[in-house]
Amino acid sequence: MRKDLALEYCRLVNAGELDGVLRLFAADARLVDPLGSEPVTGREAVGTRLAPALAGGLREEPGRAYAAHDGCSVVLPATVTVGAPGLPPQRRVRTQVMGILDVGEDGLIQELRVMWGRTDSSWPAAPAPDEEHRKELAREHCLRINDGDVDGLLKLYSPRIRFEDPVGSWTRTGLEALRAHATMAVGSNVHEAAGLTVAGQDGRHAAVTVSATMDYLPSGPLLARHHLMTLPTPADPDRTRIGIEYVMVIGVDGDGLIEEMRAYWGATDVSLLEP
């Protein structure tokens, strides 16, 4: 349902149906767009914020949606195009974004945080090396995991690291906890392909879509035991691999190290890859 809600938001935006869009939001909803800007609170304020963009022909081309195990979060990457002041109609700004939606028990959006940086937009902007550094950290995480370089991976992280993989499971802290987590992944012959990477304008966050595959053994039974995977036991577990599609969101400290990592994936983002 959460994934459908995120896609319905895009459909209504593309149709220019402001009233329909606002019906998806709770009365006291918050919109933060871009992440790092001042939030607007309340359905009416959200409408005031969105109205000019919809009037300018805002279009959102959604990618695949990613759920979380917390029962409320969903992440939707999208390519957004919109007109801009001073530009002729044929010239439109194109921006890669990731929307993080928190959904209430009533099925309405409680908060929408839209992550995109100056380096994610076609609008001319000054170089933003801080954004590029954060995005590079997220991609480098995947490369070092693929190399089996656990020690190198830990060098990207602060000793104060807090991580949740997946979001909705449990939060772990410290480099030794991260070492144990990464060692299990490497022991399962994990391979991570980084995709779309965006930065926040808060000076702290970045996010990357990841397509991960790993051996069913030993991780599969553990995921099933913790109700993180609901797929049947494969006929040939020794040769089967697991596919997980997820979004990794990182927070970076003042020393340029990752101090927070959250992996958004749910049961519907996991598949068995039979031999």
C-alpha atoms as a PDB file:
ATOM      1  CA  MET A   1       0.000   0.000   0.000  1.00  0.00           C
ATOM      2  CA  ARG A   2       2.814   2.429   0.835  1.00  0.00           C
ATOM      3  CA  LYS A   3       4.437   1.886  -2.541  1.00  0.00           C
ATOM      4  CA  ASP A   4       1.092   2.413  -4.276  1.00  0.00           C
ATOM      5  CA  LEU A   5       0.595   5.653  -2.321  1.00  0.00           C
ATOM      6  CA  ALA A   6       3.950   7.010  -3.493  1.00  0.00           C
ATOM      7  CA  LEU A   7       3.147   6.150  -7.117  1.00  0.00           C
ATOM      8  CA  GLU A   8      -0.332   7.672  -6.786  1.00  0.00           C
ATOM      9  CA  TYR A   9       1.289  10.895  -5.593  1.00  0.00           C
ATOM     10  CA  CYS A  10       3.297  11.032  -8.827  1.00  0.00           C
ATOM     11  CA  ARG A  11       0.251  10.230 -10.952  1.00  0.00           C
ATOM     12  CA  LEU A  12      -1.791  13.042  -9.437  1.00  0.00           C
ATOM     13  CA  VAL A  13       1.109  15.501  -9.669  1.00  0.00           C
ATOM     14  CA  ASN A  14       1.509  14.686 -13.357  1.00  0.00           C
ATOM     15  CA  ALA A  15      -2.215  15.169 -13.882  1.00  0.00           C
ATOM     16  CA  GLY A  16      -2.002  18.604 -12.233  1.00  0.00           C
ATOM     17  CA  GLU A  17      -4.641  17.575  -9.681  1.00  0.00           C
ATOM     18  CA  LEU A  18      -3.628  19.643  -6.672  1.00  0.00           C
ATOM     19  CA  ASP A  19      -6.754  18.773  -4.677  1.00  0.00           C
ATOM     20  CA  GLY A  20      -6.131  15.077  -5.294  1.00  0.00           C
ATOM     21  CA  VAL A  21      -2.502  15.411  -4.236  1.00  0.00           C
ATOM     22  CA  LEU A  22      -3.488  17.154  -1.005  1.00  0.00           C
ATOM     23  CA  ARG A  23      -5.992  14.426  -0.151  1.00  0.00           C
ATOM     24  CA  LEU A  24      -2.997  12.086   0.186  1.00  0.00           C
ATOM     25  CA  PHE A  25      -1.562  14.235   3.022  1.00  0.00           C
ATOM     26  CA  ALA A  26      -2.566  14.258   6.669  1.00  0.00           C
ATOM     27  CA  ALA A  27      -3.967  17.531   8.003  1.00  0.00           C
ATOM     28  CA  ASP A  28      -0.754  18.211   9.956  1.00  0.00           C
ATOM     29  CA  ALA A  29       1.657  16.820   7.332  1.00  0.00           C
ATOM     30  CA  ARG A  30       5.165  18.213   6.856  1.00  0.00           C
ATOM     31  CA  LEU A  31       6.909  18.826   3.539  1.00  0.00           C
ATOM     32  CA  VAL A  32      10.680  19.348   3.384  1.00  0.00           C
ATOM     33  CA  ASP A  33      11.758  20.046  -0.200  1.00  0.00           C
ATOM     34  CA  PRO A  34      14.673  20.082  -0.601  1.00  0.00           C
ATOM     35  CA  LEU A  35      16.046  18.351   2.473  1.00  0.00           C
ATOM     36  CA  GLY A  36      17.850  21.107   4.352  1.00  0.00           C
ATOM     37  CA  SER A  37      15.242  23.776   3.667  1.00  0.00           C
ATOM     38  CA  GLU A  38      12.652  25.075   6.126  1.00  0.00           C
ATOM     39  CA  PRO A  39       9.773  22.595   6.497  1.00  0.00           C
ATOM     40  CA  VAL A  40       6.199  23.626   5.736  1.00  0.00           C
ATOM     41  CA  THR A  41       3.557  22.180   8.040  1.00  0.00           C
ATOM     42  CA  GLY A  42      -0.122  21.535   7.420  1.00  0.00           C
ATOM     43  CA  ARG A  43      -2.079  20.469   4.351  1.00  0.00           C
ATOM     44  CA  GLU A  44      -2.898  24.062   3.373  1.00  0.00           C
ATOM     45  CA  ALA A  45       0.762  25.109   3.561  1.00  0.00           C
ATOM     46  CA  VAL A  46       1.770  22.063   1.499  1.00  0.00           C
ATOM     47  CA  GLY A  47      -0.765  23.122  -1.128  1.00  0.00           C
ATOM     48  CA  THR A  48       0.600  26.664  -1.188  1.00  0.00           C
ATOM     49  CA  ARG A  49       4.094  25.247  -1.718  1.00  0.00           C
ATOM     50  CA  LEU A  50       3.092  22.810  -4.467  1.00  0.00           C
ATOM     51  CA  ALA A  51       0.648  24.996  -6.423  1.00  0.00           C
ATOM     52  CA  PRO A  52       3.243  27.039  -8.407  1.00  0.00           C
ATOM     53  CA  ALA A  53       5.136  23.891  -9.419  1.00  0.00           C
ATOM     54  CA  LEU A  54       1.990  22.156 -10.642  1.00  0.00           C
ATOM     55  CA  ALA A  55       1.001  25.332 -12.495  1.00  0.00           C
ATOM     56  CA  GLY A  56       4.437  25.243 -14.133  1.00  0.00           C
ATOM     57  CA  GLY A  57       3.807  21.771 -15.527  1.00  0.00           C
ATOM     58  CA  LEU A  58       5.671  19.739 -12.914  1.00  0.00           C
ATOM     59  CA  ARG A  59       6.305  16.198 -14.122  1.00  0.00           C
ATOM     60  CA  GLU A  60       7.607  13.280 -12.067  1.00  0.00           C
ATOM     61  CA  GLU A  61       8.879  10.099 -13.707  1.00  0.00           C
ATOM     62  CA  PRO A  62       9.012   7.603 -10.837  1.00  0.00           C
ATOM     63  CA  GLY A  63      11.479   4.777 -10.531  1.00  0.00           C
ATOM     64  CA  ARG A  64      10.805   1.684  -8.459  1.00  0.00           C
ATOM     65  CA  ALA A  65       9.564   2.250  -4.934  1.00  0.00           C
ATOM     66  CA  TYR A  66      11.338   0.806  -1.891  1.00  0.00           C
ATOM     67  CA  ALA A  67       9.558  -0.038   1.361  1.00  0.00           C
ATOM     68  CA  ALA A  68      10.932  -0.443   4.880  1.00  0.00           C
ATOM     69  CA  HIS A  69      10.246  -2.880   7.685  1.00  0.00           C
ATOM     70  CA  ASP A  70       9.081  -0.096  10.017  1.00  0.00           C
ATOM     71  CA  GLY A  71       5.544  -0.181   8.632  1.00  0.00           C
ATOM     72  CA  CYS A  72       5.528   3.503   7.695  1.00  0.00           C
ATOM     73  CA  SER A  73       8.406   4.448   5.352  1.00  0.00           C
ATOM     74  CA  VAL A  74       8.764   4.243   1.597  1.00  0.00           C
ATOM     75  CA  VAL A  75      11.395   5.760  -0.714  1.00  0.00           C
ATOM     76  CA  LEU A  76      10.639   6.744  -4.305  1.00  0.00           C
ATOM     77  CA  PRO A  77      13.377   7.923  -6.687  1.00  0.00           C
ATOM     78  CA  ALA A  78      12.101  10.104  -9.516  1.00  0.00           C
ATOM     79  CA  THR A  79      13.194  12.332 -12.351  1.00  0.00           C
ATOM     80  CA  VAL A  80      11.459  15.691 -11.943  1.00  0.00           C
ATOM     81  CA  THR A  81      11.068  18.243 -14.723  1.00  0.00           C
ATOM     82  CA  VAL A  82       9.525  21.667 -14.254  1.00  0.00           C
ATOM     83  CA  GLY A  83       9.575  25.133 -15.732  1.00  0.00           C
ATOM     84  CA  ALA A  84      11.567  27.842 -13.998  1.00  0.00           C
ATOM     85  CA  PRO A  85      11.263  31.640 -13.793  1.00  0.00           C
ATOM     86  CA  GLY A  86      13.017  33.364 -16.660  1.00  0.00           C
ATOM     87  CA  LEU A  87      13.236  30.252 -18.828  1.00  0.00           C
ATOM     88  CA  PRO A  88      11.254  29.821 -22.058  1.00  0.00           C
ATOM     89  CA  PRO A  89       8.634  27.011 -22.008  1.00  0.00           C
ATOM     90  CA  GLN A  90      10.797  24.696 -24.115  1.00  0.00           C
ATOM     91  CA  ARG A  91      13.591  24.832 -21.545  1.00  0.00           C
ATOM     92  CA  ARG A  92      12.811  22.933 -18.400  1.00  0.00           C
ATOM     93  CA  VAL A  93      14.873  22.071 -15.335  1.00  0.00           C
ATOM     94  CA  ARG A  94      15.510  18.352 -14.830  1.00  0.00           C
ATOM     95  CA  THR A  95      16.370  17.069 -11.352  1.00  0.00           C
ATOM     96  CA  GLN A  96      17.060  13.621  -9.923  1.00  0.00           C
ATOM     97  CA  VAL A  97      15.391  13.284  -6.524  1.00  0.00           C
ATOM     98  CA  MET A  98      14.556  10.746  -3.837  1.00  0.00           C
ATOM     99  CA  GLY A  99      11.371  11.235  -1.890  1.00  0.00           C
ATOM    100  CA  ILE A 100      11.182   9.662   1.576  1.00  0.00           C
ATOM    101  CA  LEU A 101       7.581   9.349   2.732  1.00  0.00           C
ATOM    102  CA  ASP A 102       6.403   8.545   6.244  1.00  0.00           C
ATOM    103  CA  VAL A 103       2.858   7.156   6.157  1.00  0.00           C
ATOM    104  CA  GLY A 104       0.490   7.113   9.127  1.00  0.00           C
ATOM    105  CA  GLU A 105      -1.825   4.334  10.228  1.00  0.00           C
ATOM    106  CA  ASP A 106      -4.632   6.124   8.378  1.00  0.00           C
ATOM    107  CA  GLY A 107      -2.740   5.631   5.095  1.00  0.00           C
ATOM    108  CA  LEU A 108      -1.990   9.354   4.676  1.00  0.00           C
ATOM    109  CA  ILE A 109       1.394  10.993   4.216  1.00  0.00           C
ATOM    110  CA  GLN A 110       2.647  12.371   7.519  1.00  0.00           C
ATOM    111  CA  GLU A 111       5.930  13.697   6.147  1.00  0.00           C
ATOM    112  CA  LEU A 112       7.596  13.951   2.761  1.00  0.00           C
ATOM    113  CA  ARG A 113      11.317  14.703   2.632  1.00  0.00           C
ATOM    114  CA  VAL A 114      12.712  15.262  -0.854  1.00  0.00           C
ATOM    115  CA  MET A 115      16.450  14.765  -1.211  1.00  0.00           C
ATOM    116  CA  TRP A 116      18.255  16.470  -4.083  1.00  0.00           C
ATOM    117  CA  GLY A 117      21.288  18.670  -4.325  1.00  0.00           C
ATOM    118  CA  ARG A 118      22.624  21.333  -6.639  1.00  0.00           C
ATOM    119  CA  THR A 119      24.677  18.616  -8.325  1.00  0.00           C
ATOM    120  CA  ASP A 120      21.488  16.644  -9.087  1.00  0.00           C
ATOM    121  CA  SER A 121      19.821  19.379 -11.146  1.00  0.00           C
ATOM    122  CA  SER A 122      20.316  20.697 -14.672  1.00  0.00           C
ATOM    123  CA  TRP A 123      19.879  24.248 -13.341  1.00  0.00           C
ATOM    124  CA  PRO A 124      23.288  25.963 -13.561  1.00  0.00           C
ATOM    125  CA  ALA A 125      24.893  26.104 -10.140  1.00  0.00           C
ATOM    126  CA  ALA A 126      28.287  26.630  -8.573  1.00  0.00           C
ATOM    127  CA  PRO A 127      30.357  23.478  -7.907  1.00  0.00           C
ATOM    128  CA  ALA A 128      29.406  21.690  -4.702  1.00  0.00           C
ATOM    129  CA  PRO A 129      32.357  19.497  -3.680  1.00  0.00           C
ATOM    130  CA  ASP A 130      30.715  18.676  -0.341  1.00  0.00           C
ATOM    131  CA  GLU A 131      27.743  17.101  -2.130  1.00  0.00           C
ATOM    132  CA  GLU A 132      30.029  15.148  -4.428  1.00  0.00           C
ATOM    133  CA  HIS A 133      32.028  13.856  -1.456  1.00  0.00           C
ATOM    134  CA  ARG A 134      28.916  12.540   0.251  1.00  0.00           C
ATOM    135  CA  LYS A 135      27.712  10.830  -2.910  1.00  0.00           C
ATOM    136  CA  GLU A 136      31.139   9.329  -3.477  1.00  0.00           C
ATOM    137  CA  LEU A 137      31.141   7.931   0.077  1.00  0.00           C
ATOM    138  CA  ALA A 138      27.864   6.122  -0.618  1.00  0.00           C
ATOM    139  CA  ARG A 139      29.203   4.611  -3.837  1.00  0.00           C
ATOM    140  CA  GLU A 140      32.541   3.730  -2.226  1.00  0.00           C
ATOM    141  CA  HIS A 141      30.703   1.718   0.436  1.00  0.00           C
ATOM    142  CA  CYS A 142      29.449  -0.576  -2.332  1.00  0.00           C
ATOM    143  CA  LEU A 143      32.863  -0.897  -3.985  1.00  0.00           C
ATOM    144  CA  ARG A 144      34.638  -1.883  -0.762  1.00  0.00           C
ATOM    145  CA  ILE A 145      31.944  -4.429   0.091  1.00  0.00           C
ATOM    146  CA  ASN A 146      32.380  -5.937  -3.379  1.00  0.00           C
ATOM    147  CA  ASP A 147      36.137  -6.154  -2.829  1.00  0.00           C
ATOM    148  CA  GLY A 148      35.613  -7.932   0.497  1.00  0.00           C
ATOM    149  CA  ASP A 149      37.595  -5.111   2.094  1.00  0.00           C
ATOM    150  CA  VAL A 150      35.963  -4.885   5.513  1.00  0.00           C
ATOM    151  CA  ASP A 151      38.872  -2.917   7.029  1.00  0.00           C
ATOM    152  CA  GLY A 152      38.718  -0.446   4.150  1.00  0.00           C
ATOM    153  CA  LEU A 153      34.965  -0.164   4.529  1.00  0.00           C
ATOM    154  CA  LEU A 154      35.278   0.733   8.208  1.00  0.00           C
ATOM    155  CA  LYS A 155      37.626   3.604   7.308  1.00  0.00           C
ATOM    156  CA  LEU A 156      34.650   5.332   5.662  1.00  0.00           C
ATOM    157  CA  TYR A 157      32.757   5.307   8.965  1.00  0.00           C
ATOM    158  CA  SER A 158      32.917   7.269  12.202  1.00  0.00           C
ATOM    159  CA  PRO A 159      33.505   5.409  15.490  1.00  0.00           C
ATOM    160  CA  ARG A 160      30.099   6.841  16.450  1.00  0.00           C
ATOM    161  CA  ILE A 161      28.337   5.063  13.573  1.00  0.00           C
ATOM    162  CA  ARG A 162      24.673   4.169  14.088  1.00  0.00           C
ATOM    163  CA  PHE A 163      23.125   1.952  11.445  1.00  0.00           C
ATOM    164  CA  GLU A 164      19.825   0.257  10.734  1.00  0.00           C
ATOM    165  CA  ASP A 165      19.701  -2.419   8.037  1.00  0.00           C
ATOM    166  CA  PRO A 166      16.886  -2.701   7.238  1.00  0.00           C
ATOM    167  CA  VAL A 167      15.024   0.304   8.605  1.00  0.00           C
ATOM    168  CA  GLY A 168      12.521  -1.101  11.078  1.00  0.00           C
ATOM    169  CA  SER A 169      14.780  -3.873  12.399  1.00  0.00           C
ATOM    170  CA  TRP A 170      17.067  -2.608  15.140  1.00  0.00           C
ATOM    171  CA  THR A 171      19.685   0.107  15.473  1.00  0.00           C
ATOM    172  CA  ARG A 172      23.282  -0.962  16.037  1.00  0.00           C
ATOM    173  CA  THR A 173      26.149   1.268  17.052  1.00  0.00           C
ATOM    174  CA  GLY A 174      29.940   1.297  16.753  1.00  0.00           C
ATOM    175  CA  LEU A 175      32.532   0.014  14.353  1.00  0.00           C
ATOM    176  CA  GLU A 176      32.672  -3.501  15.806  1.00  0.00           C
ATOM    177  CA  ALA A 177      28.945  -3.974  15.221  1.00  0.00           C
ATOM    178  CA  LEU A 178      29.423  -2.718  11.675  1.00  0.00           C
ATOM    179  CA  ARG A 179      32.392  -5.074  11.209  1.00  0.00           C
ATOM    180  CA  ALA A 180      30.252  -8.064  12.203  1.00  0.00           C
ATOM    181  CA  HIS A 181      27.459  -6.941   9.857  1.00  0.00           C
ATOM    182  CA  ALA A 182      29.816  -6.404   6.908  1.00  0.00           C
ATOM    183  CA  THR A 183      31.713  -9.644   7.567  1.00  0.00           C
ATOM    184  CA  MET A 184      28.490 -11.644   7.303  1.00  0.00           C
ATOM    185  CA  ALA A 185      27.643  -9.891   4.017  1.00  0.00           C
ATOM    186  CA  VAL A 186      31.106 -10.562   2.584  1.00  0.00           C
ATOM    187  CA  GLY A 187      30.853 -14.174   3.758  1.00  0.00           C
ATOM    188  CA  SER A 188      27.687 -14.475   1.670  1.00  0.00           C
ATOM    189  CA  ASN A 189      29.578 -13.310  -1.461  1.00  0.00           C
ATOM    190  CA  VAL A 190      27.532 -10.157  -1.650  1.00  0.00           C
ATOM    191  CA  HIS A 191      27.744  -7.929  -4.725  1.00  0.00           C
ATOM    192  CA  GLU A 192      26.280  -4.421  -4.674  1.00  0.00           C
ATOM    193  CA  ALA A 193      25.612  -2.365  -7.806  1.00  0.00           C
ATOM    194  CA  ALA A 194      25.178   1.320  -6.984  1.00  0.00           C
ATOM    195  CA  GLY A 195      22.660   3.233  -9.070  1.00  0.00           C
ATOM    196  CA  LEU A 196      21.156   6.702  -8.736  1.00  0.00           C
ATOM    197  CA  THR A 197      22.970   8.809  -6.134  1.00  0.00           C
ATOM    198  CA  VAL A 198      21.683  12.136  -4.788  1.00  0.00           C
ATOM    199  CA  ALA A 199      22.707  14.546  -2.053  1.00  0.00           C
ATOM    200  CA  GLY A 200      20.731  16.574   0.445  1.00  0.00           C
ATOM    201  CA  GLN A 201      21.097  20.339   0.757  1.00  0.00           C
ATOM    202  CA  ASP A 202      21.447  19.987   4.526  1.00  0.00           C
ATOM    203  CA  GLY A 203      25.229  19.522   4.284  1.00  0.00           C
ATOM    204  CA  ARG A 204      24.928  16.042   5.770  1.00  0.00           C
ATOM    205  CA  HIS A 205      22.959  13.436   3.802  1.00  0.00           C
ATOM    206  CA  ALA A 206      23.240  11.450   0.593  1.00  0.00           C
ATOM    207  CA  ALA A 207      21.338   8.455  -0.774  1.00  0.00           C
ATOM    208  CA  VAL A 208      22.009   5.746  -3.342  1.00  0.00           C
ATOM    209  CA  THR A 209      19.887   3.012  -4.892  1.00  0.00           C
ATOM    210  CA  VAL A 210      21.540  -0.409  -4.665  1.00  0.00           C
ATOM    211  CA  SER A 211      20.890  -3.744  -6.355  1.00  0.00           C
ATOM    212  CA  ALA A 212      22.464  -6.391  -4.114  1.00  0.00           C
ATOM    213  CA  THR A 213      22.837 -10.131  -4.605  1.00  0.00           C
ATOM    214  CA  MET A 214      24.210 -12.670  -2.139  1.00  0.00           C
ATOM    215  CA  ASP A 215      24.299 -16.404  -1.544  1.00  0.00           C
ATOM    216  CA  TYR A 216      21.179 -17.798   0.108  1.00  0.00           C
ATOM    217  CA  LEU A 217      23.426 -19.478   2.663  1.00  0.00           C
ATOM    218  CA  PRO A 218      24.151 -18.481   5.351  1.00  0.00           C
ATOM    219  CA  SER A 219      22.100 -15.243   5.313  1.00  0.00           C
ATOM    220  CA  GLY A 220      18.759 -16.513   3.997  1.00  0.00           C
ATOM    221  CA  PRO A 221      17.649 -18.563   7.029  1.00  0.00           C
ATOM    222  CA  LEU A 222      18.713 -15.721   9.339  1.00  0.00           C
ATOM    223  CA  LEU A 223      16.624 -13.192   7.382  1.00  0.00           C
ATOM    224  CA  ALA A 224      13.659 -15.569   7.482  1.00  0.00           C
ATOM    225  CA  ARG A 225      14.059 -16.146  11.232  1.00  0.00           C
ATOM    226  CA  HIS A 226      13.806 -12.416  11.862  1.00  0.00           C
ATOM    227  CA  HIS A 227      10.811 -12.097   9.479  1.00  0.00           C
ATOM    228  CA  LEU A 228      12.795  -9.909   7.104  1.00  0.00           C
ATOM    229  CA  MET A 229      12.199 -12.302   4.206  1.00  0.00           C
ATOM    230  CA  THR A 230       8.977 -14.206   3.542  1.00  0.00           C
ATOM    231  CA  LEU A 231      10.032 -16.299   0.556  1.00  0.00           C
ATOM    232  CA  PRO A 232       9.934 -20.117   0.564  1.00  0.00           C
ATOM    233  CA  THR A 233      13.060 -22.152   1.185  1.00  0.00           C
ATOM    234  CA  PRO A 234      14.659 -22.781  -2.227  1.00  0.00           C
ATOM    235  CA  ALA A 235      14.924 -26.303  -3.617  1.00  0.00           C
ATOM    236  CA  ASP A 236      18.696 -25.910  -3.962  1.00  0.00           C
ATOM    237  CA  PRO A 237      19.812 -23.501  -1.201  1.00  0.00           C
ATOM    238  CA  ASP A 238      23.506 -24.123  -1.851  1.00  0.00           C
ATOM    239  CA  ARG A 239      23.249 -22.669  -5.366  1.00  0.00           C
ATOM    240  CA  THR A 240      20.494 -20.080  -4.910  1.00  0.00           C
ATOM    241  CA  ARG A 241      21.183 -16.394  -4.431  1.00  0.00           C
ATOM    242  CA  ILE A 242      19.074 -13.647  -2.888  1.00  0.00           C
ATOM    243  CA  GLY A 243      18.373 -10.337  -4.599  1.00  0.00           C
ATOM    244  CA  ILE A 244      17.685  -7.249  -2.482  1.00  0.00           C
ATOM    245  CA  GLU A 245      16.770  -3.868  -3.963  1.00  0.00           C
ATOM    246  CA  TYR A 246      17.315  -1.086  -1.447  1.00  0.00           C
ATOM    247  CA  VAL A 247      18.116   2.566  -0.862  1.00  0.00           C
ATOM    248  CA  MET A 248      21.001   3.423   1.453  1.00  0.00           C
ATOM    249  CA  VAL A 249      20.805   6.821   3.146  1.00  0.00           C
ATOM    250  CA  ILE A 250      23.931   8.080   4.876  1.00  0.00           C
ATOM    251  CA  GLY A 251      24.606  10.970   7.220  1.00  0.00           C
ATOM    252  CA  VAL A 252      28.139  12.403   7.201  1.00  0.00           C
ATOM    253  CA  ASP A 253      29.845  14.161  10.123  1.00  0.00           C
ATOM    254  CA  GLY A 254      32.125  17.185  10.152  1.00  0.00           C
ATOM    255  CA  ASP A 255      35.175  14.979   9.577  1.00  0.00           C
ATOM    256  CA  GLY A 256      33.735  13.614   6.337  1.00  0.00           C
ATOM    257  CA  LEU A 257      32.957  10.190   7.825  1.00  0.00           C
ATOM    258  CA  ILE A 258      29.662   8.336   7.780  1.00  0.00           C
ATOM    259  CA  GLU A 259      28.035   8.539  11.210  1.00  0.00           C
ATOM    260  CA  GLU A 260      24.586   7.276  10.219  1.00  0.00           C
ATOM    261  CA  MET A 261      23.451   4.634   7.728  1.00  0.00           C
ATOM    262  CA  ARG A 262      19.904   3.492   7.052  1.00  0.00           C
ATOM    263  CA  ALA A 263      18.964   0.839   4.478  1.00  0.00           C
ATOM    264  CA  TYR A 264      15.389   1.013   3.175  1.00  0.00           C
ATOM    265  CA  TRP A 265      14.084  -2.338   1.961  1.00  0.00           C
ATOM    266  CA  GLY A 266      11.093  -4.463   2.739  1.00  0.00           C
ATOM    267  CA  ALA A 267       9.890  -8.015   2.142  1.00  0.00           C
ATOM    268  CA  THR A 268       8.621  -6.986  -1.315  1.00  0.00           C
ATOM    269  CA  ASP A 269      12.135  -5.872  -2.273  1.00  0.00           C
ATOM    270  CA  VAL A 270      13.640  -9.346  -1.790  1.00  0.00           C
ATOM    271  CA  SER A 271      13.666 -12.124  -4.378  1.00  0.00           C
ATOM    272  CA  LEU A 272      15.176 -15.572  -4.832  1.00  0.00           C
ATOM    273  CA  LEU A 273      17.516 -15.985  -7.811  1.00  0.00           C
ATOM    274  CA  GLU A 274      17.326 -19.648  -8.697  1.00  0.00           C
ATOM    275  CA  PRO A 275      20.393 -21.252 -10.334  1.00  0.00           C
END
